Amino acid sequence: MEESVTYQAIVRKGRLAEARRFLLLIGEEQLGPPSEAARAAVNALEDVDRVEQLGKRLPHVDSWEKLLASPSRRRRNGRRGANA
């Protein structure tokens, strides 16, 4: 049963829901309650890896808007682009 496509889809969906819930919980602790727009943006995330990346960014931001903004791209040498 664990090998079935349906079972795996259910597991992924549950993992994503828990990751979103945890991000909102920890984020609220650090950033305060999310706006409806921020909550909707988190709940619209479809990739567990992206949710985990946002969780790693939490200590480095001071607002939901900054957390959910796309991170600036870095060059290969680790420096930000001239416009960043």
PDB file of N, CA and C in Angstrom:
ATOM      1  N   MET A   1       0.812  -1.192   0.000  1.00  0.00           N
ATOM      2  CA  MET A   1       0.000   0.000   0.000  1.00  0.00           C
ATOM      3  C   MET A   1       0.860   1.263   0.000  1.00  0.00           C
ATOM      4  N   GLU A   2       1.938   1.274   0.764  1.00  0.00           N
ATOM      5  CA  GLU A   2       2.787   2.455   0.840  1.00  0.00           C
ATOM      6  C   GLU A   2       3.427   2.816  -0.494  1.00  0.00           C
ATOM      7  N   GLU A   3       3.506   1.871  -1.411  1.00  0.00           N
ATOM      8  CA  GLU A   3       4.089   2.142  -2.715  1.00  0.00           C
ATOM      9  C   GLU A   3       3.087   2.759  -3.684  1.00  0.00           C
ATOM     10  N   SER A   4       1.819   2.765  -3.339  1.00  0.00           N
ATOM     11  CA  SER A   4       0.803   3.256  -4.276  1.00  0.00           C
ATOM     12  C   SER A   4       0.937   4.763  -4.495  1.00  0.00           C
ATOM     13  N   VAL A   5       0.616   5.166  -5.712  1.00  0.00           N
ATOM     14  CA  VAL A   5       0.681   6.586  -6.081  1.00  0.00           C
ATOM     15  C   VAL A   5      -0.280   7.396  -5.223  1.00  0.00           C
ATOM     16  N   THR A   6      -1.454   6.868  -4.979  1.00  0.00           N
ATOM     17  CA  THR A   6      -2.456   7.572  -4.184  1.00  0.00           C
ATOM     18  C   THR A   6      -1.966   7.777  -2.758  1.00  0.00           C
ATOM     19  N   TYR A   7      -1.404   6.744  -2.174  1.00  0.00           N
ATOM     20  CA  TYR A   7      -0.880   6.837  -0.811  1.00  0.00           C
ATOM     21  C   TYR A   7       0.224   7.893  -0.732  1.00  0.00           C
ATOM     22  N   GLN A   8       1.138   7.874  -1.680  1.00  0.00           N
ATOM     23  CA  GLN A   8       2.232   8.839  -1.690  1.00  0.00           C
ATOM     24  C   GLN A   8       1.712  10.264  -1.848  1.00  0.00           C
ATOM     25  N   ALA A   9       0.685  10.453  -2.657  1.00  0.00           N
ATOM     26  CA  ALA A   9       0.094  11.786  -2.831  1.00  0.00           C
ATOM     27  C   ALA A   9      -0.529  12.274  -1.531  1.00  0.00           C
ATOM     28  N   ILE A  10      -1.182  11.397  -0.821  1.00  0.00           N
ATOM     29  CA  ILE A  10      -1.791  11.757   0.461  1.00  0.00           C
ATOM     30  C   ILE A  10      -0.712  12.131   1.469  1.00  0.00           C
ATOM     31  N   VAL A  11       0.365  11.385   1.496  1.00  0.00           N
ATOM     32  CA  VAL A  11       1.475  11.679   2.414  1.00  0.00           C
ATOM     33  C   VAL A  11       2.082  13.035   2.091  1.00  0.00           C
ATOM     34  N   ARG A  12       2.317  13.323   0.785  1.00  0.00           N
ATOM     35  CA  ARG A  12       2.888  14.616   0.384  1.00  0.00           C
ATOM     36  C   ARG A  12       1.968  15.757   0.770  1.00  0.00           C
ATOM     37  N   LYS A  13       0.674  15.570   0.554  1.00  0.00           N
ATOM     38  CA  LYS A  13      -0.291  16.616   0.882  1.00  0.00           C
ATOM     39  C   LYS A  13      -0.297  16.895   2.391  1.00  0.00           C
ATOM     40  N   GLY A  14      -0.235  15.840   3.183  1.00  0.00           N
ATOM     41  CA  GLY A  14      -0.197  16.003   4.633  1.00  0.00           C
ATOM     42  C   GLY A  14       1.079  16.671   5.102  1.00  0.00           C
ATOM     43  N   ARG A  15       2.195  16.302   4.492  1.00  0.00           N
ATOM     44  CA  ARG A  15       3.479  16.908   4.850  1.00  0.00           C
ATOM     45  C   ARG A  15       3.480  18.393   4.515  1.00  0.00           C
ATOM     46  N   LEU A  16       2.932  18.752   3.365  1.00  0.00           N
ATOM     47  CA  LEU A  16       2.855  20.153   2.959  1.00  0.00           C
ATOM     48  C   LEU A  16       1.964  20.940   3.918  1.00  0.00           C
ATOM     49  N   ALA A  17       0.824  20.387   4.282  1.00  0.00           N
ATOM     50  CA  ALA A  17      -0.087  21.069   5.199  1.00  0.00           C
ATOM     51  C   ALA A  17       0.580  21.313   6.551  1.00  0.00           C
ATOM     52  N   GLU A  18       1.305  20.334   7.052  1.00  0.00           N
ATOM     53  CA  GLU A  18       1.998  20.483   8.330  1.00  0.00           C
ATOM     54  C   GLU A  18       3.134  21.496   8.236  1.00  0.00           C
ATOM     55  N   ALA A  19       3.855  21.509   7.119  1.00  0.00           N
ATOM     56  CA  ALA A  19       4.941  22.471   6.935  1.00  0.00           C
ATOM     57  C   ALA A  19       4.386  23.891   6.914  1.00  0.00           C
ATOM     58  N   ARG A  20       3.290  24.094   6.209  1.00  0.00           N
ATOM     59  CA  ARG A  20       2.656  25.424   6.174  1.00  0.00           C
ATOM     60  C   ARG A  20       2.205  25.840   7.567  1.00  0.00           C
ATOM     61  N   ARG A  21       1.539  24.916   8.273  1.00  0.00           N
ATOM     62  CA  ARG A  21       1.041  25.208   9.613  1.00  0.00           C
ATOM     63  C   ARG A  21       2.180  25.594  10.548  1.00  0.00           C
ATOM     64  N   PHE A  22       3.286  24.853  10.462  1.00  0.00           N
ATOM     65  CA  PHE A  22       4.432  25.125  11.312  1.00  0.00           C
ATOM     66  C   PHE A  22       5.071  26.470  10.970  1.00  0.00           C
ATOM     67  N   LEU A  23       5.185  26.794   9.671  1.00  0.00           N
ATOM     68  CA  LEU A  23       5.735  28.088   9.270  1.00  0.00           C
ATOM     69  C   LEU A  23       4.881  29.225   9.824  1.00  0.00           C
ATOM     70  N   LEU A  24       3.567  29.100   9.726  1.00  0.00           N
ATOM     71  CA  LEU A  24       2.682  30.139  10.270  1.00  0.00           C
ATOM     72  C   LEU A  24       2.824  30.244  11.787  1.00  0.00           C
ATOM     73  N   LEU A  25       2.938  29.126  12.463  1.00  0.00           N
ATOM     74  CA  LEU A  25       3.064  29.112  13.917  1.00  0.00           C
ATOM     75  C   LEU A  25       4.364  29.766  14.375  1.00  0.00           C
ATOM     76  N   ILE A  26       5.474  29.335  13.811  1.00  0.00           N
ATOM     77  CA  ILE A  26       6.775  29.890  14.190  1.00  0.00           C
ATOM     78  C   ILE A  26       6.901  31.329  13.701  1.00  0.00           C
ATOM     79  N   GLY A  27       6.396  31.594  12.516  1.00  0.00           N
ATOM     80  CA  GLY A  27       6.438  32.957  11.991  1.00  0.00           C
ATOM     81  C   GLY A  27       5.659  33.924  12.858  1.00  0.00           C
ATOM     82  N   GLU A  28       4.513  33.499  13.348  1.00  0.00           N
ATOM     83  CA  GLU A  28       3.721  34.372  14.221  1.00  0.00           C
ATOM     84  C   GLU A  28       4.473  34.670  15.510  1.00  0.00           C
ATOM     85  N   GLU A  29       5.196  33.701  16.005  1.00  0.00           N
ATOM     86  CA  GLU A  29       6.001  33.889  17.217  1.00  0.00           C
ATOM     87  C   GLU A  29       7.063  34.963  17.002  1.00  0.00           C
ATOM     88  N   GLN A  30       7.672  34.983  15.825  1.00  0.00           N
ATOM     89  CA  GLN A  30       8.755  35.923  15.556  1.00  0.00           C
ATOM     90  C   GLN A  30       8.277  37.231  14.929  1.00  0.00           C
ATOM     91  N   LEU A  31       7.305  37.149  14.029  1.00  0.00           N
ATOM     92  CA  LEU A  31       6.922  38.323  13.240  1.00  0.00           C
ATOM     93  C   LEU A  31       5.574  38.915  13.616  1.00  0.00           C
ATOM     94  N   GLY A  32       4.857  38.247  14.491  1.00  0.00           N
ATOM     95  CA  GLY A  32       3.504  38.683  14.824  1.00  0.00           C
ATOM     96  C   GLY A  32       2.511  38.006  13.901  1.00  0.00           C
ATOM     97  N   PRO A  33       1.240  38.249  14.138  1.00  0.00           N
ATOM     98  CA  PRO A  33       0.214  37.589  13.325  1.00  0.00           C
ATOM     99  C   PRO A  33       0.349  37.964  11.846  1.00  0.00           C
ATOM    100  N   PRO A  34       0.218  36.984  10.967  1.00  0.00           N
ATOM    101  CA  PRO A  34       0.304  37.295   9.538  1.00  0.00           C
ATOM    102  C   PRO A  34      -0.964  38.001   9.067  1.00  0.00           C
ATOM    103  N   SER A  35      -0.802  38.868   8.091  1.00  0.00           N
ATOM    104  CA  SER A  35      -1.968  39.477   7.457  1.00  0.00           C
ATOM    105  C   SER A  35      -2.714  38.379   6.695  1.00  0.00           C
ATOM    106  N   GLU A  36      -3.917  38.687   6.282  1.00  0.00           N
ATOM    107  CA  GLU A  36      -4.665  37.710   5.482  1.00  0.00           C
ATOM    108  C   GLU A  36      -3.921  37.396   4.186  1.00  0.00           C
ATOM    109  N   ALA A  37      -3.276  38.418   3.605  1.00  0.00           N
ATOM    110  CA  ALA A  37      -2.524  38.210   2.366  1.00  0.00           C
ATOM    111  C   ALA A  37      -1.334  37.281   2.610  1.00  0.00           C
ATOM    112  N   ALA A  38      -0.633  37.470   3.720  1.00  0.00           N
ATOM    113  CA  ALA A  38       0.512  36.621   4.048  1.00  0.00           C
ATOM    114  C   ALA A  38       0.048  35.195   4.320  1.00  0.00           C
ATOM    115  N   ARG A  39      -1.039  35.063   5.069  1.00  0.00           N
ATOM    116  CA  ARG A  39      -1.575  33.726   5.367  1.00  0.00           C
ATOM    117  C   ARG A  39      -1.978  33.024   4.061  1.00  0.00           C
ATOM    118  N   ALA A  40      -2.620  33.755   3.164  1.00  0.00           N
ATOM    119  CA  ALA A  40      -3.034  33.183   1.886  1.00  0.00           C
ATOM    120  C   ALA A  40      -1.813  32.781   1.053  1.00  0.00           C
ATOM    121  N   ALA A  41      -0.752  33.611   1.096  1.00  0.00           N
ATOM    122  CA  ALA A  41       0.461  33.293   0.338  1.00  0.00           C
ATOM    123  C   ALA A  41       1.112  32.017   0.869  1.00  0.00           C
ATOM    124  N   VAL A  42       1.168  31.867   2.183  1.00  0.00           N
ATOM    125  CA  VAL A  42       1.739  30.650   2.768  1.00  0.00           C
ATOM    126  C   VAL A  42       0.878  29.450   2.391  1.00  0.00           C
ATOM    127  N   ASN A  43      -0.427  29.588   2.502  1.00  0.00           N
ATOM    128  CA  ASN A  43      -1.316  28.469   2.198  1.00  0.00           C
ATOM    129  C   ASN A  43      -1.351  28.128   0.713  1.00  0.00           C
ATOM    130  N   ALA A  44      -0.873  29.028  -0.130  1.00  0.00           N
ATOM    131  CA  ALA A  44      -0.828  28.768  -1.570  1.00  0.00           C
ATOM    132  C   ALA A  44       0.461  28.051  -1.983  1.00  0.00           C
ATOM    133  N   LEU A  45       1.433  27.968  -1.076  1.00  0.00           N
ATOM    134  CA  LEU A  45       2.686  27.293  -1.399  1.00  0.00           C
ATOM    135  C   LEU A  45       2.420  25.824  -1.685  1.00  0.00           C
ATOM    136  N   GLU A  46       3.020  25.305  -2.737  1.00  0.00           N
ATOM    137  CA  GLU A  46       2.786  23.927  -3.166  1.00  0.00           C
ATOM    138  C   GLU A  46       4.018  23.042  -3.066  1.00  0.00           C
ATOM    139  N   ASP A  47       5.098  23.564  -2.491  1.00  0.00           N
ATOM    140  CA  ASP A  47       6.361  22.834  -2.455  1.00  0.00           C
ATOM    141  C   ASP A  47       6.916  22.845  -1.034  1.00  0.00           C
ATOM    142  N   VAL A  48       7.064  21.684  -0.432  1.00  0.00           N
ATOM    143  CA  VAL A  48       7.573  21.579   0.938  1.00  0.00           C
ATOM    144  C   VAL A  48       8.966  22.196   1.031  1.00  0.00           C
ATOM    145  N   ASP A  49       9.796  22.000   0.023  1.00  0.00           N
ATOM    146  CA  ASP A  49      11.141  22.578   0.051  1.00  0.00           C
ATOM    147  C   ASP A  49      11.089  24.092   0.149  1.00  0.00           C
ATOM    148  N   ARG A  50      10.164  24.712  -0.566  1.00  0.00           N
ATOM    149  CA  ARG A  50      10.021  26.185  -0.508  1.00  0.00           C
ATOM    150  C   ARG A  50       9.583  26.608   0.888  1.00  0.00           C
ATOM    151  N   VAL A  51       8.668  25.895   1.491  1.00  0.00           N
ATOM    152  CA  VAL A  51       8.217  26.219   2.850  1.00  0.00           C
ATOM    153  C   VAL A  51       9.403  26.105   3.815  1.00  0.00           C
ATOM    154  N   GLU A  52      10.214  25.074   3.651  1.00  0.00           N
ATOM    155  CA  GLU A  52      11.381  24.897   4.514  1.00  0.00           C
ATOM    156  C   GLU A  52      12.395  26.023   4.305  1.00  0.00           C
ATOM    157  N   GLN A  53      12.593  26.463   3.064  1.00  0.00           N
ATOM    158  CA  GLN A  53      13.495  27.584   2.796  1.00  0.00           C
ATOM    159  C   GLN A  53      13.012  28.841   3.517  1.00  0.00           C
ATOM    160  N   LEU A  54      11.701  29.068   3.487  1.00  0.00           N
ATOM    161  CA  LEU A  54      11.150  30.229   4.186  1.00  0.00           C
ATOM    162  C   LEU A  54      11.382  30.107   5.687  1.00  0.00           C
ATOM    163  N   GLY A  55      11.243  28.916   6.213  1.00  0.00           N
ATOM    164  CA  GLY A  55      11.499  28.704   7.631  1.00  0.00           C
ATOM    165  C   GLY A  55      12.937  29.041   8.001  1.00  0.00           C
ATOM    166  N   LYS A  56      13.869  28.707   7.136  1.00  0.00           N
ATOM    167  CA  LYS A  56      15.276  29.035   7.381  1.00  0.00           C
ATOM    168  C   LYS A  56      15.520  30.534   7.329  1.00  0.00           C
ATOM    169  N   ARG A  57      14.705  31.248   6.556  1.00  0.00           N
ATOM    170  CA  ARG A  57      14.866  32.709   6.435  1.00  0.00           C
ATOM    171  C   ARG A  57      14.267  33.469   7.607  1.00  0.00           C
ATOM    172  N   LEU A  58      13.412  32.838   8.383  1.00  0.00           N
ATOM    173  CA  LEU A  58      12.725  33.533   9.473  1.00  0.00           C
ATOM    174  C   LEU A  58      13.642  34.347  10.383  1.00  0.00           C
ATOM    175  N   PRO A  59      14.767  33.800  10.830  1.00  0.00           N
ATOM    176  CA  PRO A  59      15.619  34.591  11.732  1.00  0.00           C
ATOM    177  C   PRO A  59      16.241  35.828  11.087  1.00  0.00           C
ATOM    178  N   HIS A  60      16.149  35.934   9.770  1.00  0.00           N
ATOM    179  CA  HIS A  60      16.843  36.998   9.055  1.00  0.00           C
ATOM    180  C   HIS A  60      15.919  38.099   8.539  1.00  0.00           C
ATOM    181  N   VAL A  61      14.639  38.026   8.835  1.00  0.00           N
ATOM    182  CA  VAL A  61      13.688  39.030   8.357  1.00  0.00           C
ATOM    183  C   VAL A  61      12.900  39.597   9.530  1.00  0.00           C
ATOM    184  N   ASP A  62      12.282  40.752   9.290  1.00  0.00           N
ATOM    185  CA  ASP A  62      11.505  41.372  10.361  1.00  0.00           C
ATOM    186  C   ASP A  62      10.042  41.617   9.987  1.00  0.00           C
ATOM    187  N   SER A  63       9.604  41.011   8.884  1.00  0.00           N
ATOM    188  CA  SER A  63       8.192  41.143   8.509  1.00  0.00           C
ATOM    189  C   SER A  63       7.788  39.981   7.611  1.00  0.00           C
ATOM    190  N   TRP A  64       6.495  39.728   7.580  1.00  0.00           N
ATOM    191  CA  TRP A  64       5.958  38.689   6.697  1.00  0.00           C
ATOM    192  C   TRP A  64       6.226  39.043   5.246  1.00  0.00           C
ATOM    193  N   GLU A  65       6.135  40.334   4.918  1.00  0.00           N
ATOM    194  CA  GLU A  65       6.348  40.757   3.540  1.00  0.00           C
ATOM    195  C   GLU A  65       7.768  40.434   3.086  1.00  0.00           C
ATOM    196  N   LYS A  66       8.748  40.690   3.961  1.00  0.00           N
ATOM    197  CA  LYS A  66      10.132  40.386   3.606  1.00  0.00           C
ATOM    198  C   LYS A  66      10.350  38.881   3.524  1.00  0.00           C
ATOM    199  N   LEU A  67       9.724  38.147   4.401  1.00  0.00           N
ATOM    200  CA  LEU A  67       9.860  36.694   4.372  1.00  0.00           C
ATOM    201  C   LEU A  67       9.351  36.127   3.058  1.00  0.00           C
ATOM    202  N   LEU A  68       8.201  36.607   2.619  1.00  0.00           N
ATOM    203  CA  LEU A  68       7.555  36.047   1.438  1.00  0.00           C
ATOM    204  C   LEU A  68       8.061  36.629   0.125  1.00  0.00           C
ATOM    205  N   ALA A  69       8.832  37.719   0.197  1.00  0.00           N
ATOM    206  CA  ALA A  69       9.412  38.293  -1.019  1.00  0.00           C
ATOM    207  C   ALA A  69      10.448  37.330  -1.568  1.00  0.00           C
ATOM    208  N   SER A  70      10.567  37.301  -2.863  1.00  0.00           N
ATOM    209  CA  SER A  70      11.577  36.436  -3.470  1.00  0.00           C
ATOM    210  C   SER A  70      12.949  36.900  -3.021  1.00  0.00           C
ATOM    211  N   PRO A  71      13.805  35.966  -2.612  1.00  0.00           N
ATOM    212  CA  PRO A  71      15.152  36.369  -2.201  1.00  0.00           C
ATOM    213  C   PRO A  71      15.923  36.912  -3.383  1.00  0.00           C
ATOM    214  N   SER A  72      16.809  37.877  -3.107  1.00  0.00           N
ATOM    215  CA  SER A  72      17.619  38.426  -4.193  1.00  0.00           C
ATOM    216  C   SER A  72      18.549  37.351  -4.714  1.00  0.00           C
ATOM    217  N   ARG A  73      18.802  37.401  -5.999  1.00  0.00           N
ATOM    218  CA  ARG A  73      19.689  36.409  -6.600  1.00  0.00           C
ATOM    219  C   ARG A  73      21.125  36.768  -6.260  1.00  0.00           C
ATOM    220  N   ARG A  74      21.914  35.750  -6.063  1.00  0.00           N
ATOM    221  CA  ARG A  74      23.327  35.958  -5.786  1.00  0.00           C
ATOM    222  C   ARG A  74      24.146  35.464  -6.972  1.00  0.00           C
ATOM    223  N   ARG A  75      25.248  36.140  -7.191  1.00  0.00           N
ATOM    224  CA  ARG A  75      26.157  35.694  -8.233  1.00  0.00           C
ATOM    225  C   ARG A  75      26.925  34.483  -7.737  1.00  0.00           C
ATOM    226  N   ARG A  76      27.655  33.869  -8.635  1.00  0.00           N
ATOM    227  CA  ARG A  76      28.446  32.687  -8.264  1.00  0.00           C
ATOM    228  C   ARG A  76      29.434  32.983  -7.153  1.00  0.00           C
ATOM    229  N   ASN A  77      29.977  34.206  -7.104  1.00  0.00           N
ATOM    230  CA  ASN A  77      30.963  34.535  -6.094  1.00  0.00           C
ATOM    231  C   ASN A  77      30.315  34.872  -4.743  1.00  0.00           C
ATOM    232  N   GLY A  78      28.995  34.751  -4.665  1.00  0.00           N
ATOM    233  CA  GLY A  78      28.292  34.988  -3.414  1.00  0.00           C
ATOM    234  C   GLY A  78      27.874  36.418  -3.193  1.00  0.00           C
ATOM    235  N   ARG A  79      28.249  37.310  -4.104  1.00  0.00           N
ATOM    236  CA  ARG A  79      27.867  38.720  -3.957  1.00  0.00           C
ATOM    237  C   ARG A  79      26.544  38.969  -4.643  1.00  0.00           C
ATOM    238  N   ARG A  80      25.824  39.915  -4.114  1.00  0.00           N
ATOM    239  CA  ARG A  80      24.562  40.288  -4.742  1.00  0.00           C
ATOM    240  C   ARG A  80      24.848  41.086  -6.002  1.00  0.00           C
ATOM    241  N   GLY A  81      23.875  41.052  -6.893  1.00  0.00           N
ATOM    242  CA  GLY A  81      24.018  41.821  -8.129  1.00  0.00           C
ATOM    243  C   GLY A  81      24.057  43.319  -7.842  1.00  0.00           C
ATOM    244  N   ALA A  82      24.481  44.100  -8.782  1.00  0.00           N
ATOM    245  CA  ALA A  82      24.638  45.546  -8.617  1.00  0.00           C
ATOM    246  C   ALA A  82      23.327  46.219  -8.270  1.00  0.00           C
ATOM    247  N   ASN A  83      22.205  45.668  -8.694  1.00  0.00           N
ATOM    248  CA  ASN A  83      20.911  46.284  -8.439  1.00  0.00           C
ATOM    249  C   ASN A  83      20.267  45.804  -7.163  1.00  0.00           C
ATOM    250  N   ALA A  84      20.888  44.926  -6.438  1.00  0.00           N
ATOM    251  CA  ALA A  84      20.291  44.350  -5.239  1.00  0.00           C
ATOM    252  C   ALA A  84      20.516  45.210  -4.042  1.00  0.00           C
TER     253      ALA A  84
END
